[in-house]
Amino acid sequence: MGEIIEAVILGIIQGLTEFLPVSSSGHLELAKFFLNSDDVAKQSMLMTVMLHGATALSTIIVFRREVIEILKGLFQFKWNEQTIFSLKIIISMIPAALIGLLFEDTLETFFDKKIILVGMMLIITGLLLFLADRAKNTSKNVSFVNALIIGLSQAVAILPGISRSGATISTSVLLGIDREKAAKFSFLMVVPLIFGKMAKDILSGEITYSSEVLIPLTAGFFAAFFTGLLACTWMIQLVKNSKLSYFAFYCFVLAIIVILFGFDIFKLSWLYASE
């Protein structure tokens, strides 16, 4: 029963943080630090794949009309609106995919309980959200140049503490893109990356499966899926109604607490080392 409850909790966290702009990676690092344990990061790779698959599926369900239109347009094999949108999605994926492949080992060094870094990145996330809420003249469509710039912001969001959805949506809105279109593009652009990462993990041969984990996996999947449906829909409304400041203030407060705590730990370590 304990494994099922843990799987449900993980699913809910994944479903929320995949869409809400508070940085799931940053919160994971904080959990590792304050719990003084790496257990929270040592979850089964199969569970990770299942949870990401659940949130990707919830994205597809929420934007099912857009996805169907894109697929219909692509199978016409013409230079149409759907083909153009698909190319923009591909362009937006390139920066994050390249950085993830070329600097994988370097990036892993940032995920080692570096809470001061997390705090600083949370401030950046908060600033982006705060500025995006106050952006005016947001009525443009996503251009090819916009797609590349948004893709660069997604690549930067690999750092713990920078929210992927927060960075991409804020960047889009600051570029003058319509708020609802910015949210849709942000959520759709990550789906191919999620499936690509899932394929990479599955093909790596490191995933193991036993019948004992079937129930926890199923529980975690459905928890992430249904939570993702709610969070994705909610986030679209928040962006449309300029409510990102709430998350900005949350990031600011958490960042201050984290940075102050981090420097206190630094001082204590220095005192112990000098004795």
Foldseek 3Di string as FASTA:
>chain_A
DVLQVVLLVLLLLLLQQLFFFFFSLQVLLVCCQVVVHCVSVPDAPLLVLLSLVLLLVLLCVLCVVLVVVLVVVVVVVDPDPSVQLVVLLVLLQVLQVVCCVPVVVVLVVLRDSPLLQLLVLLLVLLVLLVVLLVFPQQDDAQDSVNSNVLSNQLNVSSHGNGRNLSSSLSSNSNVSHQNLNSLSSSSVSCSVVSVVVSVVVVVVPPHDDDPVCVSSSVSSSVSNNVSNNVNSVVSSVCSNVSNSNVSSVVSNVVSVVSNVVVVVVVVVVVVVVVD
